[in-house]
Amino acid sequence: MGEARHVNRQVVIRTDASIQIGSGHVMRGLTLADALRERGAAVR
C-alpha cells in the first residue's frame, strides 16, 4: 500500500504530565510530532 500524501496537513497535539501520570505522555507526543513533521505536517 502506498503512503498517502496530503498538502497543508495541520495537527495539534496536546499532552499532560504530572507527578501522578509521569512524563511518558509528553515524550510520546514529541515523538509523534517529529514523525508527522518529517512527513510534511504542520504540528503545533
N, C-alpha and C. Protein backbone atom coordinates (compact mmCIF):
# COMPACT_ATOMS: atom_id res chain seq x y z
N MET A 1 0.83 -1.18 0.00
CA MET A 1 0.00 0.00 0.00
C MET A 1 0.88 1.24 0.00
N GLY A 2 0.56 2.22 -0.83
CA GLY A 2 1.34 3.45 -0.89
C GLY A 2 0.99 4.40 0.23
N GLU A 3 1.94 5.25 0.56
CA GLU A 3 1.72 6.24 1.60
C GLU A 3 0.95 7.42 1.02
N ALA A 4 -0.11 7.83 1.68
CA ALA A 4 -0.92 8.97 1.22
C ALA A 4 -0.15 10.27 1.46
N ARG A 5 -0.17 11.14 0.49
CA ARG A 5 0.47 12.46 0.60
C ARG A 5 -0.62 13.52 0.58
N HIS A 6 -0.58 14.41 1.54
CA HIS A 6 -1.56 15.48 1.62
C HIS A 6 -0.83 16.81 1.73
N VAL A 7 -1.41 17.83 1.15
CA VAL A 7 -0.86 19.18 1.24
C VAL A 7 -1.57 19.89 2.37
N ASN A 8 -0.84 20.71 3.12
CA ASN A 8 -1.41 21.53 4.19
C ASN A 8 -1.99 20.72 5.34
N ARG A 9 -1.36 19.63 5.71
CA ARG A 9 -1.81 18.88 6.89
C ARG A 9 -1.43 19.68 8.13
N GLN A 10 -2.39 19.89 9.00
CA GLN A 10 -2.15 20.60 10.24
C GLN A 10 -2.61 19.73 11.40
N VAL A 11 -1.75 19.60 12.40
CA VAL A 11 -2.03 18.72 13.53
C VAL A 11 -1.76 19.49 14.81
N VAL A 12 -2.65 19.35 15.77
CA VAL A 12 -2.44 19.89 17.11
C VAL A 12 -2.34 18.71 18.06
N ILE A 13 -1.29 18.68 18.86
CA ILE A 13 -1.08 17.61 19.83
C ILE A 13 -1.08 18.22 21.22
N ARG A 14 -1.89 17.66 22.09
CA ARG A 14 -1.94 18.13 23.48
C ARG A 14 -1.60 16.95 24.37
N THR A 15 -0.70 17.16 25.30
CA THR A 15 -0.35 16.11 26.26
C THR A 15 -0.34 16.68 27.66
N ASP A 16 -0.52 15.83 28.61
CA ASP A 16 -0.48 16.21 30.03
C ASP A 16 0.61 15.41 30.73
N ALA A 17 1.20 16.01 31.73
CA ALA A 17 2.17 15.31 32.55
C ALA A 17 2.05 15.84 33.98
N SER A 18 2.29 14.97 34.92
CA SER A 18 2.29 15.36 36.33
C SER A 18 3.06 14.29 37.09
N ILE A 19 3.21 14.50 38.36
CA ILE A 19 3.90 13.52 39.19
C ILE A 19 3.14 12.20 39.17
N GLN A 20 1.80 12.28 39.17
CA GLN A 20 0.99 11.07 39.21
C GLN A 20 1.02 10.29 37.89
N ILE A 21 0.94 10.98 36.75
CA ILE A 21 0.87 10.26 35.47
C ILE A 21 2.21 10.20 34.74
N GLY A 22 3.20 10.92 35.21
CA GLY A 22 4.53 10.85 34.62
C GLY A 22 4.65 11.69 33.36
N SER A 23 5.79 11.58 32.70
CA SER A 23 6.08 12.39 31.52
C SER A 23 6.04 11.57 30.23
N GLY A 24 5.63 10.31 30.32
CA GLY A 24 5.57 9.45 29.14
C GLY A 24 4.65 9.99 28.07
N HIS A 25 3.52 10.60 28.48
CA HIS A 25 2.59 11.17 27.52
C HIS A 25 3.27 12.27 26.70
N VAL A 26 4.04 13.10 27.36
CA VAL A 26 4.73 14.20 26.68
C VAL A 26 5.78 13.64 25.72
N MET A 27 6.55 12.67 26.16
CA MET A 27 7.59 12.09 25.31
C MET A 27 6.98 11.42 24.08
N ARG A 28 5.88 10.69 24.24
CA ARG A 28 5.23 10.07 23.09
C ARG A 28 4.67 11.13 22.16
N GLY A 29 4.14 12.23 22.72
CA GLY A 29 3.63 13.32 21.88
C GLY A 29 4.74 13.97 21.06
N LEU A 30 5.90 14.16 21.66
CA LEU A 30 7.04 14.74 20.95
C LEU A 30 7.52 13.82 19.83
N THR A 31 7.56 12.52 20.10
CA THR A 31 7.96 11.55 19.08
C THR A 31 6.97 11.56 17.92
N LEU A 32 5.68 11.59 18.24
CA LEU A 32 4.66 11.66 17.21
C LEU A 32 4.79 12.94 16.39
N ALA A 33 5.00 14.08 17.07
CA ALA A 33 5.15 15.36 16.38
C ALA A 33 6.34 15.33 15.42
N ASP A 34 7.46 14.77 15.85
CA ASP A 34 8.64 14.67 14.98
C ASP A 34 8.34 13.84 13.73
N ALA A 35 7.68 12.70 13.93
CA ALA A 35 7.36 11.83 12.79
C ALA A 35 6.42 12.52 11.81
N LEU A 36 5.43 13.24 12.33
CA LEU A 36 4.49 13.94 11.46
C LEU A 36 5.17 15.07 10.70
N ARG A 37 6.07 15.80 11.38
CA ARG A 37 6.81 16.87 10.71
C ARG A 37 7.65 16.32 9.56
N GLU A 38 8.29 15.17 9.78
CA GLU A 38 9.11 14.54 8.74
C GLU A 38 8.25 14.20 7.50
N ARG A 39 6.96 14.01 7.71
CA ARG A 39 6.06 13.68 6.61
C ARG A 39 5.32 14.90 6.08
N GLY A 40 5.75 16.10 6.52
CA GLY A 40 5.22 17.32 5.95
C GLY A 40 4.07 18.00 6.69
N ALA A 41 3.72 17.50 7.86
CA ALA A 41 2.62 18.12 8.61
C ALA A 41 3.11 19.34 9.37
N ALA A 42 2.21 20.31 9.53
CA ALA A 42 2.47 21.45 10.39
C ALA A 42 1.94 21.08 11.77
N VAL A 43 2.84 20.93 12.75
CA VAL A 43 2.45 20.45 14.08
C VAL A 43 2.55 21.58 15.08
N ARG A 44 1.53 21.71 15.89
CA ARG A 44 1.51 22.71 16.96
C ARG A 44 1.29 22.03 18.26
